[in-house]
PDB file of N, CA and C in Angstrom:
ATOM      1  N   UNK A   1     124.669  88.701  75.934  1.00  0.00           N
ATOM      2  CA  UNK A   1     123.842  89.504  76.823  1.00  0.00           C
ATOM      3  C   UNK A   1     123.129  90.615  76.061  1.00  0.00           C
ATOM      4  N   UNK A   2     123.845  91.283  75.134  1.00  0.00           N
ATOM      5  CA  UNK A   2     123.235  92.374  74.377  1.00  0.00           C
ATOM      6  C   UNK A   2     122.103  91.872  73.503  1.00  0.00           C
ATOM      7  N   UNK A   3     122.282  90.689  72.922  1.00  0.00           N
ATOM      8  CA  UNK A   3     121.247  90.141  72.048  1.00  0.00           C
ATOM      9  C   UNK A   3     119.964  89.875  72.835  1.00  0.00           C
ATOM     10  N   UNK A   4     120.079  89.290  74.021  1.00  0.00           N
ATOM     11  CA  UNK A   4     118.902  88.993  74.836  1.00  0.00           C
ATOM     12  C   UNK A   4     118.222  90.293  75.282  1.00  0.00           C
ATOM     13  N   UNK A   5     119.028  91.307  75.601  1.00  0.00           N
ATOM     14  CA  UNK A   5     118.459  92.584  76.030  1.00  0.00           C
ATOM     15  C   UNK A   5     117.668  93.226  74.894  1.00  0.00           C
ATOM     16  N   UNK A   6     118.182  93.179  73.689  1.00  0.00           N
ATOM     17  CA  UNK A   6     117.479  93.744  72.547  1.00  0.00           C
ATOM     18  C   UNK A   6     116.214  92.983  72.206  1.00  0.00           C
ATOM     19  N   UNK A   7     116.244  91.673  72.348  1.00  0.00           N
ATOM     20  CA  UNK A   7     115.061  90.865  72.066  1.00  0.00           C
ATOM     21  C   UNK A   7     113.972  91.168  73.084  1.00  0.00           C
ATOM     22  N   UNK A   8     114.355  91.354  74.326  1.00  0.00           N
ATOM     23  CA  UNK A   8     113.382  91.685  75.359  1.00  0.00           C
ATOM     24  C   UNK A   8     112.686  93.009  75.075  1.00  0.00           C
ATOM     25  N   UNK A   9     113.444  93.994  74.625  1.00  0.00           N
ATOM     26  CA  UNK A   9     112.845  95.286  74.272  1.00  0.00           C
ATOM     27  C   UNK A   9     111.894  95.146  73.093  1.00  0.00           C
ATOM     28  N   UNK A  10     112.272  94.327  72.142  1.00  0.00           N
ATOM     29  CA  UNK A  10     111.425  94.120  70.977  1.00  0.00           C
ATOM     30  C   UNK A  10     110.118  93.435  71.358  1.00  0.00           C
ATOM     31  N   UNK A  11     110.173  92.440  72.215  1.00  0.00           N
ATOM     32  CA  UNK A  11     108.961  91.753  72.660  1.00  0.00           C
ATOM     33  C   UNK A  11     108.093  92.697  73.486  1.00  0.00           C
ATOM     34  N   UNK A  12     108.725  93.508  74.334  1.00  0.00           N
ATOM     35  CA  UNK A  12     107.978  94.486  75.126  1.00  0.00           C
ATOM     36  C   UNK A  12     107.296  95.504  74.226  1.00  0.00           C
ATOM     37  N   UNK A  13     107.996  95.982  73.208  1.00  0.00           N
ATOM     38  CA  UNK A  13     107.398  96.933  72.264  1.00  0.00           C
ATOM     39  C   UNK A  13     106.257  96.286  71.489  1.00  0.00           C
ATOM     40  N   UNK A  14     106.416  95.020  71.117  1.00  0.00           N
ATOM     41  CA  UNK A  14     105.334  94.317  70.412  1.00  0.00           C
ATOM     42  C   UNK A  14     104.111  94.176  71.314  1.00  0.00           C
ATOM     43  N   UNK A  15     104.332  93.913  72.584  1.00  0.00           N
ATOM     44  CA  UNK A  15     103.221  93.815  73.532  1.00  0.00           C
ATOM     45  C   UNK A  15     102.521  95.161  73.677  1.00  0.00           C
ATOM     46  N   UNK A  16     103.287  96.231  73.777  1.00  0.00           N
ATOM     47  CA  UNK A  16     102.691  97.565  73.868  1.00  0.00           C
ATOM     48  C   UNK A  16     101.945  97.925  72.588  1.00  0.00           C
ATOM     49  N   UNK A  17     102.455  97.474  71.446  1.00  0.00           N
ATOM     50  CA  UNK A  17     101.745  97.711  70.190  1.00  0.00           C
ATOM     51  C   UNK A  17     100.400  96.986  70.178  1.00  0.00           C
ATOM     52  N   UNK A  18     100.358  95.783  70.726  1.00  0.00           N
ATOM     53  CA  UNK A  18      99.086  95.060  70.807  1.00  0.00           C
ATOM     54  C   UNK A  18      98.119  95.821  71.705  1.00  0.00           C
ATOM     55  N   UNK A  19      98.593  96.274  72.850  1.00  0.00           N
ATOM     56  CA  UNK A  19      97.732  97.023  73.775  1.00  0.00           C
ATOM     57  C   UNK A  19      97.232  98.306  73.110  1.00  0.00           C
ATOM     58  N   UNK A  20      98.148  99.058  72.499  1.00  0.00           N
ATOM     59  CA  UNK A  20      97.749 100.292  71.810  1.00  0.00           C
ATOM     60  C   UNK A  20      96.810 100.032  70.648  1.00  0.00           C
ATOM     61  N   UNK A  21      97.061  98.962  69.902  1.00  0.00           N
ATOM     62  CA  UNK A  21      96.193  98.626  68.778  1.00  0.00           C
ATOM     63  C   UNK A  21      94.789  98.258  69.220  1.00  0.00           C
ATOM     64  N   UNK A  22      94.688  97.474  70.279  1.00  0.00           N
ATOM     65  CA  UNK A  22      93.367  97.092  70.787  1.00  0.00           C
ATOM     66  C   UNK A  22      92.633  98.317  71.320  1.00  0.00           C
ATOM     67  N   UNK A  23      93.340  99.186  72.039  1.00  0.00           N
ATOM     68  CA  UNK A  23      92.710 100.412  72.544  1.00  0.00           C
ATOM     69  C   UNK A  23      92.226 101.294  71.395  1.00  0.00           C
ATOM     70  N   UNK A  24      93.024 101.426  70.356  1.00  0.00           N
ATOM     71  CA  UNK A  24      92.614 102.243  69.212  1.00  0.00           C
ATOM     72  C   UNK A  24      91.451 101.617  68.459  1.00  0.00           C
ATOM     73  N   UNK A  25      91.405 100.291  68.380  1.00  0.00           N
ATOM     74  CA  UNK A  25      90.278  99.629  67.716  1.00  0.00           C
ATOM     75  C   UNK A  25      88.993  99.874  68.508  1.00  0.00           C
ATOM     76  N   UNK A  26      89.052  99.714  69.816  1.00  0.00           N
ATOM     77  CA  UNK A  26      87.870  99.965  70.644  1.00  0.00           C
ATOM     78  C   UNK A  26      87.444 101.424  70.538  1.00  0.00           C
ATOM     79  N   UNK A  27      88.413 102.335  70.611  1.00  0.00           N
ATOM     80  CA  UNK A  27      88.148 103.771  70.503  1.00  0.00           C
ATOM     81  C   UNK A  27      87.542 104.101  69.142  1.00  0.00           C
ATOM     82  N   UNK A  28      88.060 103.505  68.087  1.00  0.00           N
ATOM     83  CA  UNK A  28      87.561 103.767  66.736  1.00  0.00           C
ATOM     84  C   UNK A  28      86.150 103.241  66.530  1.00  0.00           C
ATOM     85  N   UNK A  29      85.872 102.038  67.028  1.00  0.00           N
ATOM     86  CA  UNK A  29      84.529 101.478  66.889  1.00  0.00           C
ATOM     87  C   UNK A  29      83.513 102.320  67.653  1.00  0.00           C
ATOM     88  N   UNK A  30      83.898 102.770  68.840  1.00  0.00           N
ATOM     89  CA  UNK A  30      82.992 103.624  69.618  1.00  0.00           C
ATOM     90  C   UNK A  30      82.740 104.946  68.909  1.00  0.00           C
ATOM     91  N   UNK A  31      83.762 105.492  68.267  1.00  0.00           N
ATOM     92  CA  UNK A  31      83.585 106.763  67.553  1.00  0.00           C
ATOM     93  C   UNK A  31      82.731 106.582  66.307  1.00  0.00           C
ATOM     94  N   UNK A  32      82.898 105.475  65.611  1.00  0.00           N
ATOM     95  CA  UNK A  32      82.092 105.222  64.407  1.00  0.00           C
ATOM     96  C   UNK A  32      80.623 105.061  64.775  1.00  0.00           C
ATOM     97  N   UNK A  33      80.356 104.424  65.906  1.00  0.00           N
ATOM     98  CA  UNK A  33      78.986 104.209  66.349  1.00  0.00           C
ATOM     99  C   UNK A  33      78.372 105.414  67.042  1.00  0.00           C
ATOM    100  N   UNK A  34      79.067 106.555  67.036  1.00  0.00           N
ATOM    101  CA  UNK A  34      78.593 107.774  67.713  1.00  0.00           C
ATOM    102  C   UNK A  34      78.183 107.499  69.153  1.00  0.00           C
ATOM    103  N   UNK A  35      79.038 106.839  69.879  1.00  0.00           N
ATOM    104  CA  UNK A  35      78.766 106.508  71.269  1.00  0.00           C
ATOM    105  C   UNK A  35      78.563 107.768  72.098  1.00  0.00           C
ATOM    106  N   UNK A  36      77.752 107.675  73.122  1.00  0.00           N
ATOM    107  CA  UNK A  36      77.515 108.834  73.986  1.00  0.00           C
ATOM    108  C   UNK A  36      78.716 109.107  74.885  1.00  0.00           C
ATOM    109  N   UNK A  37      79.721 108.251  74.813  1.00  0.00           N
ATOM    110  CA  UNK A  37      80.951 108.450  75.570  1.00  0.00           C
ATOM    111  C   UNK A  37      81.693 109.702  75.112  1.00  0.00           C
ATOM    112  N   UNK A  38      81.588 110.033  73.840  1.00  0.00           N
ATOM    113  CA  UNK A  38      82.328 111.157  73.274  1.00  0.00           C
ATOM    114  C   UNK A  38      81.585 112.466  73.492  1.00  0.00           C
ATOM    115  N   UNK A  39      82.350 113.532  73.645  1.00  0.00           N
ATOM    116  CA  UNK A  39      81.740 114.850  73.782  1.00  0.00           C
ATOM    117  C   UNK A  39      81.156 115.268  72.444  1.00  0.00           C
ATOM    118  N   UNK A  40      80.003 115.855  72.472  1.00  0.00           N
ATOM    119  CA  UNK A  40      79.308 116.207  71.238  1.00  0.00           C
ATOM    120  C   UNK A  40      79.771 117.534  70.655  1.00  0.00           C
ATOM    121  N   UNK A  41      80.364 118.400  71.453  1.00  0.00           N
ATOM    122  CA  UNK A  41      80.757 119.713  70.949  1.00  0.00           C
ATOM    123  C   UNK A  41      82.251 119.822  70.653  1.00  0.00           C
ATOM    124  N   UNK A  42      82.960 118.707  70.595  1.00  0.00           N
ATOM    125  CA  UNK A  42      84.393 118.740  70.314  1.00  0.00           C
ATOM    126  C   UNK A  42      84.629 118.990  68.821  1.00  0.00           C
ATOM    127  N   UNK A  43      85.697 119.686  68.530  1.00  0.00           N
ATOM    128  CA  UNK A  43      86.073 119.959  67.140  1.00  0.00           C
ATOM    129  C   UNK A  43      87.236 119.036  66.774  1.00  0.00           C
ATOM    130  N   UNK A  44      87.090 118.346  65.660  1.00  0.00           N
ATOM    131  CA  UNK A  44      88.095 117.390  65.219  1.00  0.00           C
ATOM    132  C   UNK A  44      88.845 117.946  64.014  1.00  0.00           C
ATOM    133  N   UNK A  45      90.080 117.533  63.874  1.00  0.00           N
ATOM    134  CA  UNK A  45      90.926 118.039  62.800  1.00  0.00           C
ATOM    135  C   UNK A  45      90.399 117.579  61.444  1.00  0.00           C
ATOM    136  N   UNK A  46      90.010 116.312  61.356  1.00  0.00           N
ATOM    137  CA  UNK A  46      89.509 115.763  60.105  1.00  0.00           C
ATOM    138  C   UNK A  46      88.004 115.571  60.195  1.00  0.00           C
ATOM    139  N   UNK A  47      87.258 116.409  59.580  1.00  0.00           N
ATOM    140  CA  UNK A  47      85.821 116.249  59.397  1.00  0.00           C
ATOM    141  C   UNK A  47      85.059 116.124  60.705  1.00  0.00           C
ATOM    142  N   UNK A  48      84.562 114.919  61.024  1.00  0.00           N
ATOM    143  CA  UNK A  48      83.707 114.740  62.193  1.00  0.00           C
ATOM    144  C   UNK A  48      84.144 113.511  62.984  1.00  0.00           C
ATOM    145  N   UNK A  49      83.323 113.124  63.941  1.00  0.00           N
ATOM    146  CA  UNK A  49      83.660 112.013  64.830  1.00  0.00           C
ATOM    147  C   UNK A  49      83.745 110.684  64.083  1.00  0.00           C
ATOM    148  N   UNK A  50      82.865 110.456  63.118  1.00  0.00           N
ATOM    149  CA  UNK A  50      82.902 109.185  62.367  1.00  0.00           C
ATOM    150  C   UNK A  50      84.188 109.061  61.554  1.00  0.00           C
ATOM    151  N   UNK A  51      84.584 110.128  60.897  1.00  0.00           N
ATOM    152  CA  UNK A  51      85.826 110.094  60.124  1.00  0.00           C
ATOM    153  C   UNK A  51      87.013 109.830  61.033  1.00  0.00           C
ATOM    154  N   UNK A  52      87.021 110.495  62.175  1.00  0.00           N
ATOM    155  CA  UNK A  52      88.107 110.286  63.129  1.00  0.00           C
ATOM    156  C   UNK A  52      88.083 108.850  63.659  1.00  0.00           C
ATOM    157  N   UNK A  53      86.897 108.284  63.836  1.00  0.00           N
ATOM    158  CA  UNK A  53      86.789 106.897  64.275  1.00  0.00           C
ATOM    159  C   UNK A  53      87.370 105.929  63.257  1.00  0.00           C
ATOM    160  N   UNK A  54      87.104 106.162  61.974  1.00  0.00           N
ATOM    161  CA  UNK A  54      87.664 105.297  60.929  1.00  0.00           C
ATOM    162  C   UNK A  54      89.184 105.398  60.884  1.00  0.00           C
ATOM    163  N   UNK A  55      89.708 106.607  61.033  1.00  0.00           N
ATOM    164  CA  UNK A  55      91.169 106.790  61.032  1.00  0.00           C
ATOM    165  C   UNK A  55      91.789 106.038  62.207  1.00  0.00           C
ATOM    166  N   UNK A  56      91.190 106.170  63.370  1.00  0.00           N
ATOM    167  CA  UNK A  56      91.711 105.502  64.562  1.00  0.00           C
ATOM    168  C   UNK A  56      91.576 103.984  64.455  1.00  0.00           C
ATOM    169  N   UNK A  57      90.474 103.511  63.906  1.00  0.00           N
ATOM    170  CA  UNK A  57      90.282 102.074  63.724  1.00  0.00           C
ATOM    171  C   UNK A  57      91.334 101.488  62.784  1.00  0.00           C
ATOM    172  N   UNK A  58      91.583 102.156  61.676  1.00  0.00           N
ATOM    173  CA  UNK A  58      92.589 101.684  60.722  1.00  0.00           C
ATOM    174  C   UNK A  58      93.978 101.693  61.344  1.00  0.00           C
ATOM    175  N   UNK A  59      94.297 102.738  62.119  1.00  0.00           N
ATOM    176  CA  UNK A  59      95.598 102.780  62.801  1.00  0.00           C
ATOM    177  C   UNK A  59      95.722 101.642  63.815  1.00  0.00           C
ATOM    178  N   UNK A  60      94.640 101.332  64.508  1.00  0.00           N
ATOM    179  CA  UNK A  60      94.675 100.226  65.461  1.00  0.00           C
ATOM    180  C   UNK A  60      94.925  98.893  64.782  1.00  0.00           C
ATOM    181  N   UNK A  61      94.280  98.666  63.652  1.00  0.00           N
ATOM    182  CA  UNK A  61      94.498  97.421  62.901  1.00  0.00           C
ATOM    183  C   UNK A  61      95.937  97.346  62.399  1.00  0.00           C
ATOM    184  N   UNK A  62      96.447  98.467  61.902  1.00  0.00           N
ATOM    185  CA  UNK A  62      97.836  98.486  61.437  1.00  0.00           C
ATOM    186  C   UNK A  62      98.823  98.280  62.587  1.00  0.00           C
ATOM    187  N   UNK A  63      98.486  98.760  63.781  1.00  0.00           N
ATOM    188  CA  UNK A  63      99.341  98.502  64.940  1.00  0.00           C
ATOM    189  C   UNK A  63      99.390  97.012  65.275  1.00  0.00           C
ATOM    190  N   UNK A  64      98.259  96.339  65.179  1.00  0.00           N
ATOM    191  CA  UNK A  64      98.251  94.890  65.430  1.00  0.00           C
ATOM    192  C   UNK A  64      99.077  94.156  64.373  1.00  0.00           C
ATOM    193  N   UNK A  65      98.967  94.568  63.125  1.00  0.00           N
ATOM    194  CA  UNK A  65      99.774  93.960  62.059  1.00  0.00           C
ATOM    195  C   UNK A  65     101.258  94.221  62.308  1.00  0.00           C
ATOM    196  N   UNK A  66     101.580  95.433  62.760  1.00  0.00           N
ATOM    197  CA  UNK A  66     102.978  95.768  63.058  1.00  0.00           C
ATOM    198  C   UNK A  66     103.518  94.923  64.203  1.00  0.00           C
ATOM    199  N   UNK A  67     102.694  94.644  65.203  1.00  0.00           N
ATOM    200  CA  UNK A  67     103.169  93.823  66.320  1.00  0.00           C
ATOM    201  C   UNK A  67     103.452  92.394  65.857  1.00  0.00           C
ATOM    202  N   UNK A  68     102.604  91.866  64.991  1.00  0.00           N
ATOM    203  CA  UNK A  68     102.850  90.523  64.453  1.00  0.00           C
ATOM    204  C   UNK A  68     104.127  90.523  63.611  1.00  0.00           C
ATOM    205  N   UNK A  69     104.294  91.548  62.806  1.00  0.00           N
ATOM    206  CA  UNK A  69     105.490  91.659  61.974  1.00  0.00           C
ATOM    207  C   UNK A  69     106.748  91.792  62.831  1.00  0.00           C
ATOM    208  N   UNK A  70     106.630  92.492  63.928  1.00  0.00           N
ATOM    209  CA  UNK A  70     107.775  92.674  64.825  1.00  0.00           C
ATOM    210  C   UNK A  70     108.143  91.368  65.525  1.00  0.00           C
ATOM    211  N   UNK A  71     107.159  90.602  65.928  1.00  0.00           N
ATOM    212  CA  UNK A  71     107.424  89.333  66.601  1.00  0.00           C
ATOM    213  C   UNK A  71     108.070  88.339  65.638  1.00  0.00           C
ATOM    214  N   UNK A  72     107.685  88.402  64.373  1.00  0.00           N
ATOM    215  CA  UNK A  72     108.265  87.488  63.382  1.00  0.00           C
ATOM    216  C   UNK A  72     109.731  87.808  63.118  1.00  0.00           C
ATOM    217  N   UNK A  73     110.177  88.996  63.480  1.00  0.00           N
ATOM    218  CA  UNK A  73     111.574  89.371  63.337  1.00  0.00           C
ATOM    219  C   UNK A  73     111.845  90.055  62.014  1.00  0.00           C
ATOM    220  N   UNK A  74     113.065  90.490  61.859  1.00  0.00           N
ATOM    221  CA  UNK A  74     113.466  91.140  60.622  1.00  0.00           C
ATOM    222  C   UNK A  74     113.450  92.648  60.734  1.00  0.00           C
ATOM    223  N   UNK A  75     114.190  93.258  59.846  1.00  0.00           N
ATOM    224  CA  UNK A  75     114.330  94.705  59.857  1.00  0.00           C
ATOM    225  C   UNK A  75     113.056  95.398  59.410  1.00  0.00           C
ATOM    226  N   UNK A  76     112.352  94.817  58.456  1.00  0.00           N
ATOM    227  CA  UNK A  76     111.118  95.428  57.971  1.00  0.00           C
ATOM    228  C   UNK A  76     110.087  95.545  59.093  1.00  0.00           C
ATOM    229  N   UNK A  77     109.932  94.496  59.880  1.00  0.00           N
ATOM    230  CA  UNK A  77     108.980  94.520  60.981  1.00  0.00           C
ATOM    231  C   UNK A  77     109.309  95.584  61.997  1.00  0.00           C
ATOM    232  N   UNK A  78     110.584  95.762  62.254  1.00  0.00           N
ATOM    233  CA  UNK A  78     111.019  96.788  63.219  1.00  0.00           C
ATOM    234  C   UNK A  78     110.683  98.179  62.713  1.00  0.00           C
ATOM    235  N   UNK A  79     111.000  98.470  61.462  1.00  0.00           N
ATOM    236  CA  UNK A  79     110.738  99.807  60.925  1.00  0.00           C
ATOM    237  C   UNK A  79     109.246 100.056  60.725  1.00  0.00           C
ATOM    238  N   UNK A  80     108.504  99.032  60.378  1.00  0.00           N
ATOM    239  CA  UNK A  80     107.049  99.170  60.264  1.00  0.00           C
ATOM    240  C   UNK A  80     106.442  99.482  61.627  1.00  0.00           C
ATOM    241  N   UNK A  81     106.942  98.803  62.675  1.00  0.00           N
ATOM    242  CA  UNK A  81     106.455  99.060  64.028  1.00  0.00           C
ATOM    243  C   UNK A  81     106.825 100.466  64.492  1.00  0.00           C
ATOM    244  N   UNK A  82     108.018 100.936  64.159  1.00  0.00           N
ATOM    245  CA  UNK A  82     108.413 102.311  64.505  1.00  0.00           C
ATOM    246  C   UNK A  82     107.496 103.301  63.809  1.00  0.00           C
ATOM    247  N   UNK A  83     107.216 103.062  62.534  1.00  0.00           N
ATOM    248  CA  UNK A  83     106.327 103.956  61.782  1.00  0.00           C
ATOM    249  C   UNK A  83     104.934 103.976  62.388  1.00  0.00           C
ATOM    250  N   UNK A  84     104.408 102.815  62.746  1.00  0.00           N
ATOM    251  CA  UNK A  84     103.075 102.763  63.329  1.00  0.00           C
ATOM    252  C   UNK A  84     103.040 103.411  64.708  1.00  0.00           C
ATOM    253  N   UNK A  85     104.111 103.267  65.472  1.00  0.00           N
ATOM    254  CA  UNK A  85     104.185 103.948  66.767  1.00  0.00           C
ATOM    255  C   UNK A  85     104.180 105.456  66.608  1.00  0.00           C
ATOM    256  N   UNK A  86     104.897 105.953  65.597  1.00  0.00           N
ATOM    257  CA  UNK A  86     104.907 107.391  65.331  1.00  0.00           C
ATOM    258  C   UNK A  86     103.544 107.888  64.869  1.00  0.00           C
ATOM    259  N   UNK A  87     102.885 107.135  63.996  1.00  0.00           N
ATOM    260  CA  UNK A  87     101.545 107.536  63.541  1.00  0.00           C
ATOM    261  C   UNK A  87     100.529 107.511  64.678  1.00  0.00           C
ATOM    262  N   UNK A  88     100.643 106.541  65.577  1.00  0.00           N
ATOM    263  CA  UNK A  88      99.745 106.496  66.726  1.00  0.00           C
ATOM    264  C   UNK A  88     100.001 107.675  67.657  1.00  0.00           C
ATOM    265  N   UNK A  89     101.260 108.089  67.773  1.00  0.00           N
ATOM    266  CA  UNK A  89     101.582 109.261  68.602  1.00  0.00           C
ATOM    267  C   UNK A  89     100.966 110.522  68.010  1.00  0.00           C
ATOM    268  N   UNK A  90     101.071 110.691  66.702  1.00  0.00           N
ATOM    269  CA  UNK A  90     100.474 111.862  66.044  1.00  0.00           C
ATOM    270  C   UNK A  90      98.954 111.821  66.181  1.00  0.00           C
ATOM    271  N   UNK A  91      98.369 110.642  66.000  1.00  0.00           N
ATOM    272  CA  UNK A  91      96.925 110.482  66.144  1.00  0.00           C
ATOM    273  C   UNK A  91      96.466 110.892  67.542  1.00  0.00           C
ATOM    274  N   UNK A  92      97.209 110.487  68.548  1.00  0.00           N
ATOM    275  CA  UNK A  92      96.806 110.833  69.913  1.00  0.00           C
ATOM    276  C   UNK A  92      96.976 112.323  70.183  1.00  0.00           C
ATOM    277  N   UNK A  93      97.980 112.937  69.612  1.00  0.00           N
ATOM    278  CA  UNK A  93      98.157 114.387  69.814  1.00  0.00           C
ATOM    279  C   UNK A  93      97.042 115.190  69.161  1.00  0.00           C
ATOM    280  N   UNK A  94      96.504 114.694  68.070  1.00  0.00           N
ATOM    281  CA  UNK A  94      95.414 115.411  67.416  1.00  0.00           C
ATOM    282  C   UNK A  94      94.099 115.279  68.186  1.00  0.00           C
ATOM    283  N   UNK A  95      94.038 114.370  69.163  1.00  0.00           N
ATOM    284  CA  UNK A  95      92.854 114.211  70.002  1.00  0.00           C
ATOM    285  C   UNK A  95      92.904 115.040  71.282  1.00  0.00           C
ATOM    286  N   UNK A  96      93.979 115.759  71.518  1.00  0.00           N
ATOM    287  CA  UNK A  96      94.147 116.493  72.778  1.00  0.00           C
ATOM    288  C   UNK A  96      93.014 117.473  73.070  1.00  0.00           C
ATOM    289  N   UNK A  97      92.490 118.232  72.103  1.00  0.00           N
ATOM    290  CA  UNK A  97      91.417 119.174  72.459  1.00  0.00           C
ATOM    291  C   UNK A  97      90.178 118.497  73.044  1.00  0.00           C
ATOM    292  N   UNK A  98      89.868 117.295  72.609  1.00  0.00           N
ATOM    293  CA  UNK A  98      88.665 116.619  73.088  1.00  0.00           C
ATOM    294  C   UNK A  98      88.929 115.812  74.365  1.00  0.00           C
ATOM    295  N   UNK A  99      90.058 115.089  74.406  1.00  0.00           N
ATOM    296  CA  UNK A  99      90.362 114.204  75.535  1.00  0.00           C
ATOM    297  C   UNK A  99      91.835 114.340  75.913  1.00  0.00           C
ATOM    298  N   UNK A 100      92.187 115.337  76.715  1.00  0.00           N
ATOM    299  CA  UNK A 100      93.607 115.602  76.972  1.00  0.00           C
ATOM    300  C   UNK A 100      94.327 114.491  77.727  1.00  0.00           C
ATOM    301  N   UNK A 101      93.765 113.947  78.778  1.00  0.00           N
ATOM    302  CA  UNK A 101      94.480 112.953  79.572  1.00  0.00           C
ATOM    303  C   UNK A 101      94.618 111.626  78.834  1.00  0.00           C
ATOM    304  N   UNK A 102      93.572 111.198  78.160  1.00  0.00           N
ATOM    305  CA  UNK A 102      93.634 109.969  77.369  1.00  0.00           C
ATOM    306  C   UNK A 102      94.664 110.118  76.249  1.00  0.00           C
ATOM    307  N   UNK A 103      94.666 111.260  75.594  1.00  0.00           N
ATOM    308  CA  UNK A 103      95.591 111.491  74.486  1.00  0.00           C
ATOM    309  C   UNK A 103      97.033 111.484  74.952  1.00  0.00           C
ATOM    310  N   UNK A 104      97.297 112.083  76.087  1.00  0.00           N
ATOM    311  CA  UNK A 104      98.669 112.109  76.601  1.00  0.00           C
ATOM    312  C   UNK A 104      99.105 110.708  77.025  1.00  0.00           C
ATOM    313  N   UNK A 105      98.196 109.908  77.581  1.00  0.00           N
ATOM    314  CA  UNK A 105      98.534 108.539  77.964  1.00  0.00           C
ATOM    315  C   UNK A 105      98.880 107.690  76.737  1.00  0.00           C
ATOM    316  N   UNK A 106      98.086 107.794  75.683  1.00  0.00           N
ATOM    317  CA  UNK A 106      98.362 107.037  74.457  1.00  0.00           C
ATOM    318  C   UNK A 106      99.631 107.560  73.787  1.00  0.00           C
ATOM    319  N   UNK A 107      99.867 108.866  73.862  1.00  0.00           N
ATOM    320  CA  UNK A 107     101.093 109.447  73.310  1.00  0.00           C
ATOM    321  C   UNK A 107     102.316 108.886  74.034  1.00  0.00           C
ATOM    322  N   UNK A 108     102.256 108.814  75.362  1.00  0.00           N
ATOM    323  CA  UNK A 108     103.374 108.262  76.131  1.00  0.00           C
ATOM    324  C   UNK A 108     103.610 106.795  75.790  1.00  0.00           C
ATOM    325  N   UNK A 109     102.546 106.033  75.636  1.00  0.00           N
ATOM    326  CA  UNK A 109     102.653 104.632  75.248  1.00  0.00           C
ATOM    327  C   UNK A 109     103.333 104.506  73.882  1.00  0.00           C
ATOM    328  N   UNK A 110     102.950 105.358  72.949  1.00  0.00           N
ATOM    329  CA  UNK A 110     103.533 105.321  71.606  1.00  0.00           C
ATOM    330  C   UNK A 110     105.010 105.708  71.636  1.00  0.00           C
ATOM    331  N   UNK A 111     105.351 106.703  72.434  1.00  0.00           N
ATOM    332  CA  UNK A 111     106.764 107.091  72.534  1.00  0.00           C
ATOM    333  C   UNK A 111     107.602 105.991  73.164  1.00  0.00           C
ATOM    334  N   UNK A 112     107.043 105.280  74.111  1.00  0.00           N
ATOM    335  CA  UNK A 112     107.759 104.186  74.730  1.00  0.00           C
ATOM    336  C   UNK A 112     108.026 103.078  73.713  1.00  0.00           C
ATOM    337  N   UNK A 113     107.053 102.826  72.854  1.00  0.00           N
ATOM    338  CA  UNK A 113     107.225 101.830  71.790  1.00  0.00           C
ATOM    339  C   UNK A 113     108.351 102.251  70.851  1.00  0.00           C
ATOM    340  N   UNK A 114     108.292 103.484  70.385  1.00  0.00           N
ATOM    341  CA  UNK A 114     109.302 103.968  69.437  1.00  0.00           C
ATOM    342  C   UNK A 114     110.682 103.971  70.077  1.00  0.00           C
ATOM    343  N   UNK A 115     110.781 104.419  71.314  1.00  0.00           N
ATOM    344  CA  UNK A 115     112.072 104.446  72.003  1.00  0.00           C
ATOM    345  C   UNK A 115     112.656 103.039  72.139  1.00  0.00           C
ATOM    346  N   UNK A 116     111.833 102.087  72.555  1.00  0.00           N
ATOM    347  CA  UNK A 116     112.323 100.719  72.708  1.00  0.00           C
ATOM    348  C   UNK A 116     112.791 100.105  71.409  1.00  0.00           C
ATOM    349  N   UNK A 117     112.141 100.455  70.311  1.00  0.00           N
ATOM    350  CA  UNK A 117     112.530  99.873  69.024  1.00  0.00           C
ATOM    351  C   UNK A 117     113.729 100.577  68.409  1.00  0.00           C
ATOM    352  N   UNK A 118     113.874 101.847  68.663  1.00  0.00           N
ATOM    353  CA  UNK A 118     115.021 102.565  68.101  1.00  0.00           C
ATOM    354  C   UNK A 118     116.312 102.156  68.793  1.00  0.00           C
ATOM    355  N   UNK A 119     116.281 101.985  70.105  1.00  0.00           N
ATOM    356  CA  UNK A 119     117.517 101.611  70.800  1.00  0.00           C
ATOM    357  C   UNK A 119     117.772 100.106  70.728  1.00  0.00           C
ATOM    358  N   UNK A 120     116.908  99.359  70.072  1.00  0.00           N
ATOM    359  CA  UNK A 120     117.067  97.911  69.946  1.00  0.00           C
ATOM    360  C   UNK A 120     118.394  97.542  69.307  1.00  0.00           C
ATOM    361  N   UNK A 121     118.843  98.302  68.312  1.00  0.00           N
ATOM    362  CA  UNK A 121     120.055  97.968  67.584  1.00  0.00           C
ATOM    363  C   UNK A 121     121.330  98.498  68.215  1.00  0.00           C
ATOM    364  N   UNK A 122     121.221  99.299  69.278  1.00  0.00           N
ATOM    365  CA  UNK A 122     122.404  99.879  69.899  1.00  0.00           C
ATOM    366  C   UNK A 122     123.084  98.901  70.841  1.00  0.00           C
ATOM    367  N   UNK A 123     124.371  99.085  71.022  1.00  0.00           N
ATOM    368  CA  UNK A 123     125.104  98.314  72.030  1.00  0.00           C
ATOM    369  C   UNK A 123     124.828  98.907  73.401  1.00  0.00           C
ATOM    370  N   UNK A 124     125.003  98.109  74.432  1.00  0.00           N
ATOM    371  CA  UNK A 124     124.694  98.573  75.803  1.00  0.00           C
ATOM    372  C   UNK A 124     125.635  99.648  76.265  1.00  0.00           C
TER     373      UNK A 124
END
């Protein structure tokens, strides 16, 4: 029973990583293209909107790679996915001044991923 419960959490976390990765890729591409969706007077931690878009795009791609690694199994995939979830959480927190509600939603998604993967190895 414990093994099936842990596998379910891992698959759920991998699914959330795919969702977060796709959202970050879309967000990054829109930022790189200077979409009118973004506020023009926002101040970013790293340089400007294009730089932030590249950072977010790369994190999104790494999240997708982490989800594939997690589905394939193994300890490395689990720790890589935890690391990517933590980096996505930090990335979303640095976006709070420009987009507070979106950033908090992505932060919560990232914390849910990390929580599910950390308790994966625990007994019930």
